[in-house]
């Protein structure tokens, strides 16, 4: 289950990125995505990692769009996507110019001028989350994940909790991690881990 109450970034949208984002939002909405501009993931790596220009959610898949205007350093997108890939299924780089080469082959490319054009579709990101990525989630989320599996967390450090989670043989750990990373921190009413979430948020996409 992906949380619908996505956190919003406190960082100002750049004046050169804003027009690009404004065109991308309806473009992806028309494709059935839940679109959250200027979003922030529920992780503790700092704004440079957790802030996202455009978050896309559809059918339990999570994607991001890194927006780079002609005034930005395009090479930074490679590091940003690499650091966040454990929490997403695909990534795009959107530009208002035509670069000679993309900084990463993993990402798709969207060219935005008068129209929005997908020039290259992204690769699917199938990797399992790393220990570091799991440990970067809030401790409360990780505790609830183990408690939901009837495992005690009493007296455990966050690192030990992460060790335990990584040792559990599950097929859908990335889906669980995505749910925690996109949680809106309304822990008492809309936790994506606890069972009452199924009652409070009946559907991911209503569009």
N, C-alpha and C. Protein backbone atom coordinates (compact mmCIF):
# COMPACT_ATOMS: atom_id res chain seq x y z
N UNK A 1 0.84 -1.20 0.00
CA UNK A 1 0.00 0.00 0.00
C UNK A 1 0.87 1.24 0.00
N UNK A 2 0.65 2.15 -0.93
CA UNK A 2 1.40 3.39 -0.99
C UNK A 2 0.57 4.50 -0.36
N UNK A 3 1.20 5.25 0.50
CA UNK A 3 0.53 6.32 1.23
C UNK A 3 0.06 7.44 0.30
N UNK A 4 -1.12 7.95 0.55
CA UNK A 4 -1.63 9.03 -0.30
C UNK A 4 -1.28 10.41 0.24
N UNK A 5 -0.98 10.50 1.53
CA UNK A 5 -0.66 11.80 2.13
C UNK A 5 0.84 12.04 2.07
N UNK A 6 1.34 12.24 0.87
CA UNK A 6 2.77 12.39 0.66
C UNK A 6 3.27 13.68 1.31
N UNK A 7 4.46 13.60 1.90
CA UNK A 7 5.07 14.79 2.47
C UNK A 7 5.46 15.77 1.37
N UNK A 8 5.44 17.06 1.69
CA UNK A 8 5.85 18.09 0.74
C UNK A 8 7.18 18.70 1.16
N UNK A 9 7.98 19.02 0.18
CA UNK A 9 9.28 19.61 0.44
C UNK A 9 9.13 21.03 0.95
N UNK A 10 10.03 21.42 1.83
CA UNK A 10 10.04 22.80 2.34
C UNK A 10 10.95 23.69 1.49
N UNK A 11 11.63 23.09 0.55
CA UNK A 11 12.53 23.85 -0.32
C UNK A 11 11.75 24.54 -1.43
N UNK A 12 12.15 25.74 -1.76
CA UNK A 12 11.48 26.48 -2.82
C UNK A 12 11.74 25.85 -4.18
N UNK A 13 10.70 25.85 -5.04
CA UNK A 13 10.88 25.37 -6.40
C UNK A 13 11.67 26.43 -7.17
N UNK A 14 12.68 26.00 -7.89
CA UNK A 14 13.49 26.93 -8.67
C UNK A 14 12.68 27.60 -9.77
N UNK A 15 13.00 28.83 -10.06
CA UNK A 15 12.20 29.58 -11.04
C UNK A 15 12.34 29.01 -12.45
N UNK A 16 13.44 28.32 -12.73
CA UNK A 16 13.61 27.71 -14.05
C UNK A 16 12.96 26.33 -14.12
N UNK A 17 12.86 25.66 -12.99
CA UNK A 17 12.24 24.34 -12.96
C UNK A 17 10.71 24.41 -12.94
N UNK A 18 10.16 25.46 -12.33
CA UNK A 18 8.71 25.58 -12.14
C UNK A 18 7.92 25.45 -13.45
N UNK A 19 8.29 26.14 -14.54
CA UNK A 19 7.51 25.99 -15.78
C UNK A 19 7.55 24.58 -16.35
N UNK A 20 8.67 23.89 -16.14
CA UNK A 20 8.77 22.51 -16.62
C UNK A 20 7.85 21.60 -15.82
N UNK A 21 7.86 21.75 -14.50
CA UNK A 21 7.00 20.94 -13.63
C UNK A 21 5.53 21.17 -13.94
N UNK A 22 5.16 22.42 -14.21
CA UNK A 22 3.77 22.75 -14.52
C UNK A 22 3.27 22.03 -15.76
N UNK A 23 4.14 21.77 -16.71
CA UNK A 23 3.75 21.04 -17.92
C UNK A 23 3.75 19.53 -17.70
N UNK A 24 4.66 19.07 -16.85
CA UNK A 24 4.75 17.63 -16.60
C UNK A 24 3.58 17.10 -15.79
N UNK A 25 3.07 17.90 -14.86
CA UNK A 25 2.02 17.42 -13.96
C UNK A 25 0.78 16.95 -14.71
N UNK A 26 0.16 17.77 -15.59
CA UNK A 26 -1.02 17.28 -16.32
C UNK A 26 -0.67 16.18 -17.31
N UNK A 27 0.55 16.18 -17.83
CA UNK A 27 0.97 15.15 -18.77
C UNK A 27 0.87 13.77 -18.14
N UNK A 28 1.39 13.62 -16.93
CA UNK A 28 1.35 12.32 -16.26
C UNK A 28 -0.01 12.02 -15.65
N UNK A 29 -0.73 13.04 -15.23
CA UNK A 29 -2.10 12.82 -14.74
C UNK A 29 -2.96 12.21 -15.83
N UNK A 30 -2.79 12.66 -17.05
CA UNK A 30 -3.56 12.13 -18.18
C UNK A 30 -3.21 10.68 -18.48
N UNK A 31 -2.09 10.21 -17.96
CA UNK A 31 -1.70 8.81 -18.12
C UNK A 31 -2.10 7.95 -16.93
N UNK A 32 -2.88 8.53 -16.01
CA UNK A 32 -3.40 7.77 -14.88
C UNK A 32 -2.52 7.75 -13.65
N UNK A 33 -1.50 8.58 -13.62
CA UNK A 33 -0.63 8.63 -12.45
C UNK A 33 -1.19 9.57 -11.38
N UNK A 34 -0.96 9.21 -10.13
CA UNK A 34 -1.10 10.17 -9.04
C UNK A 34 0.20 10.97 -9.07
N UNK A 35 0.08 12.27 -9.20
CA UNK A 35 1.25 13.12 -9.39
C UNK A 35 1.40 14.05 -8.19
N UNK A 36 2.57 14.04 -7.58
CA UNK A 36 2.84 14.90 -6.43
C UNK A 36 4.07 15.75 -6.73
N UNK A 37 3.88 17.01 -7.09
CA UNK A 37 5.04 17.86 -7.33
C UNK A 37 5.68 18.31 -6.02
N UNK A 38 7.00 18.53 -6.08
CA UNK A 38 7.71 19.08 -4.93
C UNK A 38 7.49 18.21 -3.68
N UNK A 39 7.69 16.91 -3.85
CA UNK A 39 7.44 15.95 -2.77
C UNK A 39 8.71 15.70 -1.95
N UNK A 40 8.50 15.05 -0.81
CA UNK A 40 9.63 14.69 0.06
C UNK A 40 9.41 13.29 0.60
N UNK A 41 10.41 12.45 0.46
CA UNK A 41 10.31 11.10 0.99
C UNK A 41 10.53 11.09 2.49
N UNK A 42 9.98 10.06 3.12
CA UNK A 42 10.04 9.90 4.57
C UNK A 42 11.35 9.21 4.98
N UNK A 43 12.46 9.84 4.62
CA UNK A 43 13.78 9.28 4.93
C UNK A 43 14.65 10.38 5.52
N UNK A 44 15.75 9.95 6.12
CA UNK A 44 16.56 10.90 6.90
C UNK A 44 17.92 11.18 6.27
N UNK A 45 17.94 11.35 4.98
CA UNK A 45 19.19 11.62 4.29
C UNK A 45 19.41 13.10 4.01
N UNK A 46 18.47 13.95 4.37
CA UNK A 46 18.61 15.36 4.05
C UNK A 46 17.88 15.71 2.77
N UNK A 47 17.66 17.00 2.57
CA UNK A 47 16.85 17.46 1.45
C UNK A 47 17.42 17.11 0.09
N UNK A 48 18.73 17.06 -0.03
CA UNK A 48 19.32 16.80 -1.33
C UNK A 48 18.93 15.43 -1.86
N UNK A 49 18.61 14.50 -0.97
CA UNK A 49 18.20 13.16 -1.38
C UNK A 49 16.69 12.99 -1.32
N UNK A 50 16.07 13.45 -0.25
CA UNK A 50 14.65 13.16 -0.04
C UNK A 50 13.72 14.05 -0.85
N UNK A 51 14.17 15.24 -1.27
CA UNK A 51 13.32 16.12 -2.06
C UNK A 51 13.24 15.63 -3.50
N UNK A 52 12.02 15.62 -4.03
CA UNK A 52 11.77 15.10 -5.37
C UNK A 52 10.98 16.13 -6.16
N UNK A 53 11.41 16.41 -7.38
CA UNK A 53 10.70 17.39 -8.20
C UNK A 53 9.29 16.91 -8.53
N UNK A 54 9.16 15.65 -8.92
CA UNK A 54 7.85 15.10 -9.26
C UNK A 54 7.82 13.63 -8.86
N UNK A 55 6.86 13.28 -8.01
CA UNK A 55 6.67 11.89 -7.60
C UNK A 55 5.47 11.32 -8.35
N UNK A 56 5.64 10.14 -8.93
CA UNK A 56 4.59 9.49 -9.71
C UNK A 56 4.21 8.17 -9.07
N UNK A 57 2.91 7.93 -8.91
CA UNK A 57 2.43 6.68 -8.32
C UNK A 57 1.30 6.12 -9.18
N UNK A 58 1.40 4.84 -9.51
CA UNK A 58 0.37 4.19 -10.31
C UNK A 58 0.47 2.68 -10.11
N UNK A 59 -0.65 2.08 -9.68
CA UNK A 59 -0.73 0.63 -9.53
C UNK A 59 0.45 0.08 -8.71
N UNK A 60 0.69 0.71 -7.58
CA UNK A 60 1.73 0.29 -6.64
C UNK A 60 3.15 0.46 -7.17
N UNK A 61 3.29 1.17 -8.27
CA UNK A 61 4.61 1.51 -8.79
C UNK A 61 4.91 2.97 -8.45
N UNK A 62 6.14 3.22 -8.06
CA UNK A 62 6.57 4.57 -7.68
C UNK A 62 7.69 5.01 -8.60
N UNK A 63 7.54 6.20 -9.15
CA UNK A 63 8.57 6.76 -10.01
C UNK A 63 8.89 8.19 -9.64
N UNK A 64 10.00 8.67 -10.12
CA UNK A 64 10.37 10.07 -9.88
C UNK A 64 10.75 10.73 -11.19
N UNK A 65 10.63 12.04 -11.21
CA UNK A 65 11.13 12.85 -12.32
C UNK A 65 12.07 13.90 -11.74
N UNK A 66 13.32 13.84 -12.15
CA UNK A 66 14.29 14.87 -11.78
C UNK A 66 14.28 15.92 -12.88
N UNK A 67 13.95 17.14 -12.53
CA UNK A 67 13.85 18.22 -13.51
C UNK A 67 15.15 19.02 -13.54
N UNK A 68 15.71 19.15 -14.72
CA UNK A 68 16.95 19.91 -14.90
C UNK A 68 16.77 20.91 -16.05
N UNK A 69 16.83 22.18 -15.70
CA UNK A 69 16.75 23.20 -16.73
C UNK A 69 18.14 23.42 -17.34
N UNK A 70 18.20 24.26 -18.34
CA UNK A 70 19.48 24.56 -18.98
C UNK A 70 20.42 25.31 -18.05
N UNK A 71 19.90 25.77 -16.92
CA UNK A 71 20.71 26.48 -15.93
C UNK A 71 21.28 25.54 -14.86
N UNK A 72 20.88 24.27 -14.90
CA UNK A 72 21.28 23.31 -13.87
C UNK A 72 22.46 22.45 -14.32
N UNK A 73 23.06 21.79 -13.36
CA UNK A 73 24.11 20.82 -13.62
C UNK A 73 23.46 19.46 -13.84
N UNK A 74 23.39 19.03 -15.09
CA UNK A 74 22.71 17.78 -15.43
C UNK A 74 23.37 16.57 -14.78
N UNK A 75 24.67 16.62 -14.56
CA UNK A 75 25.39 15.47 -14.00
C UNK A 75 24.91 15.12 -12.60
N UNK A 76 24.36 16.09 -11.88
CA UNK A 76 23.88 15.81 -10.52
C UNK A 76 22.74 14.80 -10.52
N UNK A 77 22.00 14.72 -11.60
CA UNK A 77 20.86 13.80 -11.67
C UNK A 77 21.30 12.35 -11.48
N UNK A 78 22.49 12.01 -11.95
CA UNK A 78 22.98 10.63 -11.81
C UNK A 78 23.10 10.25 -10.35
N UNK A 79 23.72 11.12 -9.55
CA UNK A 79 23.89 10.84 -8.12
C UNK A 79 22.55 10.81 -7.41
N UNK A 80 21.66 11.74 -7.75
CA UNK A 80 20.35 11.79 -7.11
C UNK A 80 19.54 10.53 -7.36
N UNK A 81 19.55 10.06 -8.59
CA UNK A 81 18.80 8.85 -8.94
C UNK A 81 19.44 7.62 -8.31
N UNK A 82 20.75 7.57 -8.31
CA UNK A 82 21.45 6.43 -7.70
C UNK A 82 21.13 6.32 -6.22
N UNK A 83 21.06 7.44 -5.53
CA UNK A 83 20.81 7.43 -4.09
C UNK A 83 19.38 7.08 -3.73
N UNK A 84 18.46 7.28 -4.66
CA UNK A 84 17.05 7.10 -4.34
C UNK A 84 16.45 5.85 -4.99
N UNK A 85 17.25 5.11 -5.75
CA UNK A 85 16.71 4.00 -6.53
C UNK A 85 16.14 2.87 -5.68
N UNK A 86 16.56 2.75 -4.43
CA UNK A 86 16.03 1.68 -3.57
C UNK A 86 14.58 1.92 -3.18
N UNK A 87 14.08 3.13 -3.40
CA UNK A 87 12.72 3.48 -3.00
C UNK A 87 11.76 3.62 -4.18
N UNK A 88 12.26 3.45 -5.40
CA UNK A 88 11.42 3.70 -6.58
C UNK A 88 11.58 2.58 -7.60
N UNK A 89 10.64 2.56 -8.56
CA UNK A 89 10.64 1.54 -9.61
C UNK A 89 11.16 2.06 -10.94
N UNK A 90 11.15 3.37 -11.12
CA UNK A 90 11.66 3.96 -12.36
C UNK A 90 11.96 5.43 -12.14
N UNK A 91 12.74 6.00 -13.04
CA UNK A 91 13.12 7.41 -12.90
C UNK A 91 13.26 8.05 -14.28
N UNK A 92 12.82 9.29 -14.35
CA UNK A 92 13.01 10.11 -15.55
C UNK A 92 13.88 11.32 -15.22
N UNK A 93 14.56 11.81 -16.23
CA UNK A 93 15.17 13.14 -16.19
C UNK A 93 14.42 13.98 -17.21
N UNK A 94 13.90 15.12 -16.77
CA UNK A 94 13.18 16.02 -17.67
C UNK A 94 14.01 17.28 -17.87
N UNK A 95 14.19 17.68 -19.13
CA UNK A 95 14.99 18.86 -19.44
C UNK A 95 14.25 19.76 -20.42
N UNK A 96 14.65 21.03 -20.44
CA UNK A 96 14.13 21.97 -21.43
C UNK A 96 15.17 22.23 -22.52
N UNK A 97 16.14 21.35 -22.59
CA UNK A 97 17.17 21.42 -23.63
C UNK A 97 17.53 19.99 -24.03
N UNK A 98 18.26 19.85 -25.12
CA UNK A 98 18.63 18.53 -25.60
C UNK A 98 20.11 18.27 -25.31
N UNK A 99 20.37 17.50 -24.26
CA UNK A 99 21.77 17.21 -23.91
C UNK A 99 22.40 16.25 -24.90
N UNK A 100 23.71 16.31 -25.01
CA UNK A 100 24.41 15.38 -25.91
C UNK A 100 24.33 13.96 -25.39
N UNK A 101 24.30 13.83 -24.05
CA UNK A 101 24.26 12.50 -23.44
C UNK A 101 23.64 12.60 -22.06
N UNK A 102 22.82 11.60 -21.71
CA UNK A 102 22.26 11.56 -20.37
C UNK A 102 23.31 11.07 -19.38
N UNK A 103 23.27 11.53 -18.14
CA UNK A 103 24.29 11.13 -17.17
C UNK A 103 24.15 9.70 -16.67
N UNK A 104 22.99 9.07 -16.91
CA UNK A 104 22.77 7.68 -16.48
C UNK A 104 21.86 6.97 -17.47
N UNK A 105 22.20 5.74 -17.81
CA UNK A 105 21.38 4.96 -18.74
C UNK A 105 20.14 4.39 -18.05
N UNK A 106 20.12 4.45 -16.72
CA UNK A 106 18.99 3.91 -15.97
C UNK A 106 17.73 4.74 -16.17
N UNK A 107 17.90 6.04 -16.34
CA UNK A 107 16.76 6.96 -16.39
C UNK A 107 16.21 7.12 -17.80
N UNK A 108 14.91 7.42 -17.85
CA UNK A 108 14.30 7.86 -19.09
C UNK A 108 14.55 9.34 -19.28
N UNK A 109 14.22 9.84 -20.47
CA UNK A 109 14.44 11.26 -20.76
C UNK A 109 13.17 11.87 -21.33
N UNK A 110 12.79 13.00 -20.75
CA UNK A 110 11.63 13.76 -21.22
C UNK A 110 12.12 15.13 -21.66
N UNK A 111 11.76 15.50 -22.89
CA UNK A 111 12.10 16.83 -23.41
C UNK A 111 10.86 17.71 -23.32
N UNK A 112 11.02 18.86 -22.69
CA UNK A 112 9.89 19.77 -22.47
C UNK A 112 10.19 21.11 -23.13
N UNK A 113 9.40 21.43 -24.16
CA UNK A 113 9.43 22.78 -24.72
C UNK A 113 8.00 23.27 -24.78
N UNK A 114 7.44 23.47 -25.95
CA UNK A 114 6.02 23.80 -26.03
C UNK A 114 5.16 22.59 -25.67
N UNK A 115 5.68 21.41 -25.93
CA UNK A 115 5.00 20.16 -25.61
C UNK A 115 5.91 19.30 -24.73
N UNK A 116 5.32 18.22 -24.20
CA UNK A 116 6.07 17.25 -23.40
C UNK A 116 6.26 15.99 -24.24
N UNK A 117 7.50 15.60 -24.44
CA UNK A 117 7.79 14.45 -25.29
C UNK A 117 8.72 13.48 -24.56
N UNK A 118 8.30 12.23 -24.46
CA UNK A 118 9.18 11.21 -23.90
C UNK A 118 10.14 10.75 -24.99
N UNK A 119 11.39 11.09 -24.83
CA UNK A 119 12.41 10.75 -25.83
C UNK A 119 13.00 9.36 -25.57
N UNK A 120 12.98 8.94 -24.31
CA UNK A 120 13.53 7.63 -23.94
C UNK A 120 12.80 7.14 -22.70
N UNK A 121 12.34 5.90 -22.75
CA UNK A 121 11.65 5.33 -21.58
C UNK A 121 12.67 4.79 -20.58
N UNK A 122 12.34 4.82 -19.30
CA UNK A 122 13.30 4.39 -18.28
C UNK A 122 13.39 2.88 -18.16
N UNK A 123 14.49 2.41 -17.62
CA UNK A 123 14.62 1.01 -17.26
C UNK A 123 13.86 0.76 -15.95
N UNK A 124 13.34 -0.44 -15.80
CA UNK A 124 12.72 -0.81 -14.53
C UNK A 124 13.82 -1.07 -13.50
N UNK A 125 13.60 -0.56 -12.30
CA UNK A 125 14.58 -0.73 -11.23
C UNK A 125 14.11 -1.86 -10.33
N UNK A 126 14.77 -3.00 -10.40
CA UNK A 126 14.32 -4.21 -9.69
C UNK A 126 15.16 -4.53 -8.46
N UNK A 127 16.15 -3.72 -8.15
CA UNK A 127 17.06 -4.08 -7.06
C UNK A 127 16.36 -4.12 -5.71
N UNK A 128 16.86 -4.96 -4.82
CA UNK A 128 16.37 -4.98 -3.46
C UNK A 128 17.03 -3.86 -2.66
N UNK A 129 16.33 -3.29 -1.69
CA UNK A 129 16.89 -2.19 -0.90
C UNK A 129 18.14 -2.62 -0.14
N UNK A 130 19.08 -1.71 -0.03
CA UNK A 130 20.30 -1.97 0.72
C UNK A 130 20.05 -1.77 2.22
N UNK A 131 20.97 -2.27 3.02
CA UNK A 131 20.88 -2.08 4.48
C UNK A 131 20.84 -0.59 4.80
N UNK A 132 21.66 0.19 4.13
CA UNK A 132 21.73 1.63 4.39
C UNK A 132 20.40 2.32 4.08
N UNK A 133 19.76 1.92 2.99
CA UNK A 133 18.49 2.53 2.61
C UNK A 133 17.39 2.20 3.61
N UNK A 134 17.36 0.96 4.07
CA UNK A 134 16.35 0.57 5.07
C UNK A 134 16.61 1.31 6.38
N UNK A 135 17.86 1.39 6.78
CA UNK A 135 18.22 2.03 8.04
C UNK A 135 17.96 3.54 8.01
N UNK A 136 17.79 4.11 6.82
CA UNK A 136 17.51 5.54 6.70
C UNK A 136 16.04 5.88 6.91
N UNK A 137 15.19 4.88 6.99
CA UNK A 137 13.77 5.10 7.29
C UNK A 137 13.60 5.38 8.78
N UNK A 138 12.51 6.06 9.17
CA UNK A 138 12.28 6.34 10.60
C UNK A 138 12.21 5.07 11.43
N UNK A 139 12.74 5.12 12.63
CA UNK A 139 12.77 3.94 13.50
C UNK A 139 11.36 3.44 13.79
N UNK A 140 10.41 4.35 13.98
CA UNK A 140 9.03 3.93 14.28
C UNK A 140 8.47 3.05 13.17
N UNK A 141 8.76 3.40 11.92
CA UNK A 141 8.27 2.60 10.79
C UNK A 141 8.87 1.20 10.82
N UNK A 142 10.16 1.12 11.08
CA UNK A 142 10.84 -0.18 11.12
C UNK A 142 10.34 -1.03 12.28
N UNK A 143 10.09 -0.39 13.43
CA UNK A 143 9.55 -1.12 14.58
C UNK A 143 8.18 -1.69 14.25
N UNK A 144 7.34 -0.89 13.63
CA UNK A 144 5.99 -1.37 13.29
C UNK A 144 6.04 -2.50 12.28
N UNK A 145 7.00 -2.44 11.38
CA UNK A 145 7.14 -3.50 10.39
C UNK A 145 7.40 -4.84 11.07
N UNK A 146 8.30 -4.85 12.06
CA UNK A 146 8.60 -6.09 12.78
C UNK A 146 7.46 -6.50 13.70
N UNK A 147 6.83 -5.53 14.35
CA UNK A 147 5.71 -5.84 15.24
C UNK A 147 4.56 -6.45 14.46
N UNK A 148 4.36 -5.98 13.25
CA UNK A 148 3.30 -6.53 12.40
C UNK A 148 3.58 -7.99 12.06
N UNK A 149 4.84 -8.39 12.14
CA UNK A 149 5.23 -9.78 11.90
C UNK A 149 5.40 -10.54 13.21
N UNK A 150 4.87 -9.96 14.29
CA UNK A 150 4.90 -10.57 15.63
C UNK A 150 6.32 -10.80 16.14
N UNK A 151 7.20 -9.86 15.83
CA UNK A 151 8.58 -9.92 16.31
C UNK A 151 8.81 -8.78 17.29
N UNK A 152 9.42 -9.08 18.42
CA UNK A 152 9.66 -8.07 19.45
C UNK A 152 10.83 -7.17 19.06
N UNK A 153 10.67 -5.88 19.36
CA UNK A 153 11.74 -4.92 19.09
C UNK A 153 12.28 -4.32 20.39
N UNK A 154 11.83 -4.85 21.51
CA UNK A 154 12.20 -4.29 22.81
C UNK A 154 13.72 -4.33 23.01
N UNK A 155 14.28 -3.17 23.35
CA UNK A 155 15.70 -3.08 23.63
C UNK A 155 16.60 -3.09 22.41
N UNK A 156 16.02 -3.12 21.22
CA UNK A 156 16.83 -3.18 20.01
C UNK A 156 17.18 -1.78 19.51
N UNK A 157 18.39 -1.62 19.06
CA UNK A 157 18.78 -0.36 18.41
C UNK A 157 18.21 -0.34 17.00
N UNK A 158 18.23 0.82 16.39
CA UNK A 158 17.72 0.92 15.02
C UNK A 158 18.53 0.05 14.07
N UNK A 159 19.83 0.02 14.27
CA UNK A 159 20.69 -0.80 13.41
C UNK A 159 20.34 -2.28 13.55
N UNK A 160 20.07 -2.72 14.78
CA UNK A 160 19.70 -4.12 15.01
C UNK A 160 18.34 -4.43 14.39
N UNK A 161 17.43 -3.48 14.46
CA UNK A 161 16.12 -3.66 13.83
C UNK A 161 16.29 -3.83 12.32
N UNK A 162 17.14 -3.00 11.73
CA UNK A 162 17.39 -3.10 10.30
C UNK A 162 18.02 -4.44 9.95
N UNK A 163 18.97 -4.89 10.76
CA UNK A 163 19.59 -6.21 10.56
C UNK A 163 18.53 -7.31 10.53
N UNK A 164 17.58 -7.23 11.46
CA UNK A 164 16.52 -8.24 11.54
C UNK A 164 15.65 -8.20 10.30
N UNK A 165 15.28 -7.01 9.87
CA UNK A 165 14.44 -6.87 8.67
C UNK A 165 15.15 -7.45 7.45
N UNK A 166 16.43 -7.16 7.31
CA UNK A 166 17.18 -7.64 6.15
C UNK A 166 17.35 -9.16 6.17
N UNK A 167 17.23 -9.77 7.35
CA UNK A 167 17.42 -11.22 7.45
C UNK A 167 16.13 -12.00 7.19
N UNK A 168 15.00 -11.30 7.14
CA UNK A 168 13.72 -11.98 6.91
C UNK A 168 13.57 -12.28 5.42
N UNK A 169 13.35 -13.54 5.05
CA UNK A 169 13.19 -13.87 3.63
C UNK A 169 11.80 -13.49 3.12
N UNK A 170 11.71 -12.37 2.44
CA UNK A 170 10.43 -11.93 1.86
C UNK A 170 10.64 -11.59 0.39
N UNK A 171 9.57 -11.70 -0.37
CA UNK A 171 9.64 -11.40 -1.80
C UNK A 171 9.33 -9.94 -2.10
N UNK A 172 8.69 -9.27 -1.17
CA UNK A 172 8.19 -7.93 -1.47
C UNK A 172 8.77 -6.86 -0.55
N UNK A 173 10.01 -7.03 -0.12
CA UNK A 173 10.59 -6.04 0.79
C UNK A 173 10.59 -4.65 0.17
N UNK A 174 10.89 -4.55 -1.11
CA UNK A 174 10.93 -3.23 -1.73
C UNK A 174 9.56 -2.57 -1.70
N UNK A 175 8.49 -3.33 -1.89
CA UNK A 175 7.15 -2.76 -1.80
C UNK A 175 6.89 -2.20 -0.40
N UNK A 176 7.33 -2.93 0.61
CA UNK A 176 7.15 -2.46 1.99
C UNK A 176 7.97 -1.19 2.24
N UNK A 177 9.17 -1.19 1.71
CA UNK A 177 10.05 -0.03 1.88
C UNK A 177 9.46 1.19 1.17
N UNK A 178 8.90 0.99 -0.01
CA UNK A 178 8.27 2.09 -0.74
C UNK A 178 7.11 2.67 0.05
N UNK A 179 6.34 1.80 0.69
CA UNK A 179 5.22 2.27 1.50
C UNK A 179 5.68 3.15 2.64
N UNK A 180 6.78 2.75 3.28
CA UNK A 180 7.30 3.55 4.39
C UNK A 180 7.91 4.86 3.89
N UNK A 181 8.59 4.79 2.75
CA UNK A 181 9.26 5.98 2.22
C UNK A 181 8.27 7.03 1.72
N UNK A 182 7.08 6.61 1.33
CA UNK A 182 6.07 7.55 0.84
C UNK A 182 5.00 7.84 1.89
N UNK A 183 5.25 7.45 3.12
CA UNK A 183 4.30 7.69 4.21
C UNK A 183 4.28 9.17 4.57
N UNK A 184 3.08 9.68 4.89
CA UNK A 184 2.92 11.08 5.25
C UNK A 184 3.08 11.38 6.72
N UNK A 185 3.55 10.40 7.50
CA UNK A 185 3.83 10.56 8.93
C UNK A 185 2.58 10.85 9.77
N UNK A 186 1.41 10.47 9.27
CA UNK A 186 0.20 10.56 10.09
C UNK A 186 0.03 9.22 10.79
N UNK A 187 0.92 8.96 11.73
CA UNK A 187 1.12 7.62 12.27
C UNK A 187 -0.09 7.03 12.98
N UNK A 188 -0.94 7.87 13.55
CA UNK A 188 -2.06 7.37 14.34
C UNK A 188 -3.31 7.11 13.52
N UNK A 189 -3.33 7.56 12.27
CA UNK A 189 -4.55 7.39 11.47
C UNK A 189 -4.32 6.77 10.10
N UNK A 190 -3.08 6.79 9.61
CA UNK A 190 -2.90 6.29 8.24
C UNK A 190 -1.56 5.59 8.03
N UNK A 191 -1.21 4.72 8.95
CA UNK A 191 0.03 3.96 8.81
C UNK A 191 -0.12 2.90 7.72
N UNK A 192 0.79 2.86 6.73
CA UNK A 192 0.68 1.87 5.67
C UNK A 192 1.08 0.46 6.10
N UNK A 193 1.60 0.32 7.32
CA UNK A 193 2.05 -0.99 7.80
C UNK A 193 0.98 -1.68 8.62
N UNK A 194 0.34 -0.93 9.53
CA UNK A 194 -0.65 -1.52 10.40
C UNK A 194 -1.93 -1.87 9.65
N UNK A 195 -2.66 -2.84 10.16
CA UNK A 195 -3.82 -3.37 9.47
C UNK A 195 -4.93 -2.35 9.25
N UNK A 196 -5.09 -1.37 10.16
CA UNK A 196 -6.20 -0.43 9.98
C UNK A 196 -6.02 0.43 8.75
N UNK A 197 -4.84 0.45 8.18
CA UNK A 197 -4.61 1.21 6.95
C UNK A 197 -5.51 0.71 5.82
N UNK A 198 -5.81 -0.57 5.82
CA UNK A 198 -6.65 -1.13 4.77
C UNK A 198 -8.06 -0.54 4.82
N UNK A 199 -8.49 -0.14 6.01
CA UNK A 199 -9.82 0.43 6.17
C UNK A 199 -9.84 1.92 5.88
N UNK A 200 -8.76 2.62 6.22
CA UNK A 200 -8.74 4.07 6.09
C UNK A 200 -8.38 4.54 4.70
N UNK A 201 -7.58 3.76 3.98
CA UNK A 201 -7.20 4.14 2.62
C UNK A 201 -7.55 2.98 1.69
N UNK A 202 -8.77 2.96 1.16
CA UNK A 202 -9.22 1.81 0.39
C UNK A 202 -8.61 1.68 -0.99
N UNK A 203 -8.07 2.74 -1.56
CA UNK A 203 -7.56 2.62 -2.92
C UNK A 203 -6.40 3.57 -3.13
N UNK A 204 -5.47 3.18 -3.95
CA UNK A 204 -4.30 4.00 -4.22
C UNK A 204 -4.60 5.10 -5.22
N UNK A 205 -5.17 4.74 -6.31
CA UNK A 205 -5.42 5.70 -7.38
C UNK A 205 -6.92 5.81 -7.63
N UNK A 206 -7.44 6.99 -7.55
CA UNK A 206 -8.87 7.19 -7.79
C UNK A 206 -9.12 7.86 -9.13
N UNK A 207 -8.06 8.18 -9.83
CA UNK A 207 -8.21 8.87 -11.11
C UNK A 207 -8.19 7.90 -12.26
